[in-house]
Amino acid sequence: MSALKLTHVSKRFGGLKAVSDVSFEVPEKTIFGLIGPNGAGKTTVFNLVTGVYDFEGEISFGDTRIAGKKPSQIAHMGIARTFQNIRLFQSMTVIENVLIACENTRKAHLASALMRSALFYRDEAEIRKEAMRLLAVFKLDVMADEISTSLSYGNQRRLEIARAMMLKPKLLLLDEPAAGMNYGEAEGLKEQIRWLREEFAITVILVEHNMQVVMGVCEDIHVLDHGETIAHGAPEVIKKHPKVLAAYLGEEVDEDAPESAALPA
């Protein structure tokens, strides 16, 4: 069964068609790559899936159509995301940034909070325990009480993922999570993404320019260029695909020519 399905999806901004007739399916519990050069339309697709923009065509999350739903409704359905440009609450601590994403999973509501009931304190303890568990996955638990903006760029990226996971999503959209990371950090990120998929039985869609991460962790890849689909397949096929090479290397590639180049693994 598909976790997410796009059918003939298009989005126009004035005279610019940012996404044009894009269709693909993301199987449940897979790690799926959505790649392409700058300006290919990848983040726009994420914005369509999460309700930021309206669109032509159809997007389905499981059996539910997304069209017309607000971002908050889509988040409650089980879709969480990170952002290309880091969006943390700058005046809050690391753990506060994670705790703020737990509102849709709270058991104790306003009356319990006002009365400081036993349910409220039990709920607070459980939520904090889960937040610390997620921070530990990304080795951020020792920084829990630090202001979020004091973290390195790579750690801020990890914090965004931990916050998204606090929503208990079924589908996690990661927008360039390896940006600003060195080789070792990117290798660690690959292991963390695999762990999240296995531990929480979720589907992950990854937008990423770091081919070390994409080719090392994704099981299926969809490639966009100028808003249009140019390729879809397994990593070993995509990294040698003539149209993908042409898009990334900026040169024409003869589809009938022998394979002589490949994107880095």
Protein backbone atom coordinates (compact mmCIF):
# COMPACT_ATOMS: atom_id res chain seq x y z
CA MET A 1 0.00 0.00 0.00
CA SER A 2 1.16 3.55 -0.75
CA ALA A 3 1.84 5.92 2.13
CA LEU A 4 1.70 8.86 -0.28
CA LYS A 5 0.51 9.14 -3.87
CA LEU A 6 0.79 12.11 -6.24
CA THR A 7 -1.26 11.96 -9.44
CA HIS A 8 -0.70 14.55 -12.21
CA VAL A 9 0.18 17.24 -9.68
CA SER A 10 1.01 20.75 -10.92
CA LYS A 11 1.59 24.12 -9.28
CA ARG A 12 1.90 27.48 -11.03
CA PHE A 13 3.14 30.76 -9.57
CA GLY A 14 1.98 33.39 -12.02
CA GLY A 15 3.57 32.47 -15.32
CA LEU A 16 6.02 30.02 -13.74
CA LYS A 17 5.07 26.36 -13.52
CA ALA A 18 7.07 25.20 -10.49
CA VAL A 19 5.71 21.63 -10.61
CA SER A 20 4.37 20.15 -13.83
CA ASP A 21 2.31 16.94 -14.08
CA VAL A 22 4.27 15.05 -11.41
CA SER A 23 3.12 11.55 -10.44
CA PHE A 24 4.73 9.04 -8.08
CA GLU A 25 3.89 6.66 -5.25
CA VAL A 26 5.78 6.19 -2.00
CA PRO A 27 5.37 2.69 -0.53
CA GLU A 28 4.73 2.43 3.20
CA LYS A 29 7.74 2.18 5.52
CA THR A 30 10.29 2.97 2.80
CA ILE A 31 13.01 5.61 2.68
CA PHE A 32 12.24 7.51 -0.50
CA GLY A 33 14.43 10.13 -2.17
CA LEU A 34 13.14 13.20 -4.01
CA ILE A 35 16.12 14.80 -5.72
CA GLY A 36 17.05 17.22 -8.47
CA PRO A 37 19.14 20.34 -9.14
CA ASN A 38 18.39 23.68 -7.48
CA GLY A 39 15.02 25.00 -8.60
CA ALA A 40 13.75 21.56 -9.58
CA GLY A 41 10.57 21.88 -7.49
CA LYS A 42 11.43 19.54 -4.60
CA THR A 43 10.57 21.86 -1.70
CA THR A 44 7.47 23.00 -3.60
CA VAL A 45 6.30 19.37 -3.60
CA PHE A 46 6.79 19.25 0.18
CA ASN A 47 4.77 22.47 0.49
CA LEU A 48 1.96 20.95 -1.56
CA VAL A 49 1.90 17.77 0.53
CA THR A 50 1.78 19.76 3.79
CA GLY A 51 -1.00 22.13 2.69
CA VAL A 52 1.04 25.33 2.26
CA TYR A 53 -0.17 25.79 -1.34
CA ASP A 54 -3.17 24.62 -3.31
CA PHE A 55 -2.51 22.61 -6.46
CA GLU A 56 -3.89 20.91 -9.55
CA GLY A 57 -4.11 17.12 -9.58
CA GLU A 58 -4.46 14.81 -6.60
CA ILE A 59 -2.39 13.98 -3.53
CA SER A 60 -3.47 11.14 -1.25
CA PHE A 61 -2.10 10.16 2.15
CA GLY A 62 -3.20 6.56 2.46
CA ASP A 63 -6.89 6.67 1.56
CA THR A 64 -7.31 10.36 2.42
CA ARG A 65 -7.11 13.21 -0.08
CA ILE A 66 -5.05 16.18 1.06
CA ALA A 67 -6.54 18.88 -1.18
CA GLY A 68 -8.32 21.59 0.81
CA LYS A 69 -6.89 20.61 4.20
CA LYS A 70 -5.01 23.07 6.40
CA PRO A 71 -1.37 22.39 7.43
CA SER A 72 -2.51 21.77 11.03
CA GLN A 73 -5.06 19.18 9.85
CA ILE A 74 -2.42 17.45 7.75
CA ALA A 75 -0.04 17.36 10.73
CA HIS A 76 -2.78 15.74 12.84
CA MET A 77 -3.24 13.15 10.07
CA GLY A 78 0.36 12.02 10.66
CA ILE A 79 2.58 14.03 8.30
CA ALA A 80 5.51 15.94 9.83
CA ARG A 81 8.34 17.84 8.16
CA THR A 82 11.56 19.73 8.60
CA PHE A 83 12.48 22.82 6.58
CA GLN A 84 15.15 23.77 4.06
CA ASN A 85 15.83 26.89 6.13
CA ILE A 86 16.06 26.01 9.82
CA ARG A 87 12.97 27.14 11.75
CA LEU A 88 13.62 26.71 15.45
CA PHE A 89 12.17 28.81 18.27
CA GLN A 90 15.28 30.87 18.94
CA SER A 91 14.54 31.97 22.50
CA MET A 92 13.65 28.45 23.66
CA THR A 93 15.91 25.69 24.91
CA VAL A 94 16.60 22.50 23.00
CA ILE A 95 14.07 20.45 24.96
CA GLU A 96 11.46 23.21 24.84
CA ASN A 97 11.69 23.16 21.04
CA VAL A 98 10.85 19.46 21.10
CA LEU A 99 8.13 19.70 23.76
CA ILE A 100 6.25 22.36 21.80
CA ALA A 101 5.40 19.72 19.17
CA CYS A 102 3.57 17.41 21.59
CA GLU A 103 0.22 19.20 21.79
CA ASN A 104 -1.65 16.73 19.58
CA THR A 105 -0.51 13.78 21.73
CA ARG A 106 -1.28 15.22 25.18
CA LYS A 107 -3.72 13.29 27.38
CA ALA A 108 -4.15 16.08 29.95
CA HIS A 109 -5.93 19.13 28.59
CA LEU A 110 -6.71 22.62 29.89
CA ALA A 111 -8.79 21.68 32.95
CA SER A 112 -6.14 19.22 34.18
CA ALA A 113 -3.41 21.81 33.63
CA LEU A 114 -5.30 24.51 35.56
CA MET A 115 -6.05 22.15 38.45
CA ARG A 116 -2.57 20.61 38.36
CA SER A 117 -4.13 17.16 38.58
CA ALA A 118 -2.27 13.86 38.88
CA LEU A 119 -3.04 13.23 35.19
CA PHE A 120 -1.35 16.52 34.28
CA TYR A 121 1.88 15.69 36.14
CA ARG A 122 1.91 12.13 34.81
CA ASP A 123 1.38 13.42 31.28
CA GLU A 124 4.17 16.00 31.65
CA ALA A 125 6.59 13.32 32.89
CA GLU A 126 5.78 10.96 30.01
CA ILE A 127 6.13 13.70 27.40
CA ARG A 128 9.46 14.87 28.79
CA LYS A 129 10.73 11.28 28.89
CA GLU A 130 9.83 10.82 25.21
CA ALA A 131 11.45 14.14 24.29
CA MET A 132 14.68 13.14 26.04
CA ARG A 133 14.61 9.76 24.29
CA LEU A 134 14.41 11.47 20.90
CA LEU A 135 17.15 13.93 21.81
CA ALA A 136 19.35 11.01 22.87
CA VAL A 137 18.97 9.42 19.42
CA PHE A 138 20.60 12.53 17.94
CA LYS A 139 23.08 12.91 20.82
CA LEU A 140 21.41 16.15 21.88
CA ASP A 141 20.22 15.05 25.33
CA VAL A 142 23.31 16.53 27.02
CA MET A 143 22.39 19.89 25.42
CA ALA A 144 18.71 19.76 26.47
CA ASP A 145 18.82 22.95 28.55
CA GLU A 146 20.89 25.02 26.13
CA ILE A 147 19.30 27.72 23.94
CA SER A 148 18.62 26.19 20.53
CA THR A 149 20.55 28.82 18.59
CA SER A 150 23.73 28.03 20.56
CA LEU A 151 23.90 24.65 18.78
CA SER A 152 26.05 24.06 15.72
CA TYR A 153 24.31 24.14 12.34
CA GLY A 154 24.36 20.35 12.07
CA ASN A 155 22.90 19.93 15.56
CA GLN A 156 20.15 22.43 14.78
CA ARG A 157 19.26 20.24 11.80
CA ARG A 158 19.07 17.20 14.10
CA LEU A 159 16.93 19.13 16.57
CA GLU A 160 14.40 19.88 13.82
CA ILE A 161 14.11 16.16 13.09
CA ALA A 162 13.64 15.36 16.80
CA ARG A 163 10.89 18.00 17.00
CA ALA A 164 9.13 16.56 13.94
CA MET A 165 9.26 13.08 15.47
CA MET A 166 7.57 14.39 18.63
CA LEU A 167 4.40 14.65 16.50
CA LYS A 168 4.49 10.83 16.20
CA PRO A 169 4.18 10.97 12.40
CA LYS A 170 3.44 8.14 10.00
CA LEU A 171 5.19 10.07 7.22
CA LEU A 172 8.30 12.17 7.85
CA LEU A 173 9.42 14.72 5.22
CA LEU A 174 13.07 15.74 5.59
CA ASP A 175 14.15 18.81 3.59
CA GLU A 176 17.95 18.79 3.19
CA PRO A 177 18.76 17.37 6.64
CA ALA A 178 22.45 16.88 5.78
CA ALA A 179 23.03 20.53 4.80
CA GLY A 180 26.09 21.86 6.63
CA MET A 181 27.20 18.43 7.86
CA ASN A 182 30.67 16.97 7.32
CA TYR A 183 31.29 13.42 6.09
CA GLY A 184 31.15 11.82 9.53
CA GLU A 185 27.99 13.68 10.53
CA ALA A 186 26.31 12.69 7.25
CA GLU A 187 27.20 9.03 7.88
CA GLY A 188 25.66 9.30 11.34
CA LEU A 189 22.54 10.89 9.88
CA LYS A 190 22.08 7.91 7.57
CA GLU A 191 22.07 5.55 10.56
CA GLN A 192 19.65 7.80 12.45
CA ILE A 193 17.20 7.88 9.53
CA ARG A 194 17.28 4.09 9.27
CA TRP A 195 16.75 3.78 13.03
CA LEU A 196 13.74 6.10 12.94
CA ARG A 197 12.15 4.10 10.14
CA GLU A 198 12.65 0.80 11.95
CA GLU A 199 11.89 1.98 15.50
CA PHE A 200 8.72 3.90 14.65
CA ALA A 201 7.64 1.97 11.52
CA ILE A 202 7.33 5.20 9.52
CA THR A 203 7.79 6.26 5.92
CA VAL A 204 10.54 8.81 5.19
CA ILE A 205 10.79 11.10 2.16
CA LEU A 206 14.16 12.78 1.80
CA VAL A 207 14.96 15.90 -0.22
CA GLU A 208 18.73 16.12 -0.28
CA HIS A 209 21.66 17.35 -2.40
CA ASN A 210 24.22 15.21 -0.56
CA MET A 211 24.51 12.14 -2.80
CA GLN A 212 26.47 10.32 -0.07
CA VAL A 213 23.27 10.35 1.99
CA VAL A 214 20.78 9.84 -0.85
CA MET A 215 22.52 6.87 -2.44
CA GLY A 216 23.40 5.37 0.92
CA VAL A 217 19.99 5.41 2.58
CA CYS A 218 17.21 5.71 -0.05
CA GLU A 219 15.57 2.58 -1.46
CA ASP A 220 13.66 4.35 -4.24
CA ILE A 221 14.36 7.74 -5.86
CA HIS A 222 12.28 10.18 -7.90
CA VAL A 223 14.15 12.86 -9.85
CA LEU A 224 12.79 16.28 -10.84
CA ASP A 225 14.26 18.93 -13.12
CA HIS A 226 12.54 22.27 -13.81
CA GLY A 227 9.43 20.90 -12.09
CA GLU A 228 9.13 17.82 -14.29
CA THR A 229 9.89 14.15 -13.68
CA ILE A 230 13.01 12.96 -15.50
CA ALA A 231 13.66 9.62 -13.79
CA HIS A 232 12.46 7.19 -11.13
CA GLY A 233 14.07 4.03 -9.83
CA ALA A 234 16.53 2.36 -7.48
CA PRO A 235 19.75 4.22 -6.51
CA GLU A 236 21.97 2.08 -8.73
CA VAL A 237 19.81 2.99 -11.73
CA ILE A 238 19.40 6.69 -10.90
CA LYS A 239 23.09 7.44 -10.39
CA LYS A 240 23.85 6.29 -13.96
CA HIS A 241 20.69 7.57 -15.66
CA PRO A 242 21.61 9.78 -18.67
CA LYS A 243 18.96 12.44 -17.96
CA VAL A 244 19.97 12.64 -14.31
CA LEU A 245 23.63 13.04 -15.26
CA ALA A 246 22.70 15.74 -17.76
CA ALA A 247 20.68 17.63 -15.14
CA TYR A 248 23.39 17.47 -12.48
CA LEU A 249 26.47 17.82 -14.68
CA GLY A 250 24.96 20.43 -17.00
CA GLU A 251 25.78 18.66 -20.20
CA GLU A 252 23.98 16.67 -22.84
CA VAL A 253 24.29 12.91 -22.44
CA ASP A 254 23.61 10.47 -25.26
CA GLU A 255 21.14 7.91 -23.88
CA ASP A 256 22.50 5.29 -26.28
CA ALA A 257 26.11 5.85 -25.28
CA PRO A 258 27.92 3.41 -22.94
CA GLU A 259 27.76 4.34 -19.25
CA SER A 260 30.95 6.23 -18.47
CA ALA A 261 29.91 8.42 -15.56
CA ALA A 262 27.87 8.22 -12.42
CA LEU A 263 26.76 10.41 -9.56
CA PRO A 264 28.86 9.84 -6.42
CA ALA A 265 27.64 7.06 -4.17
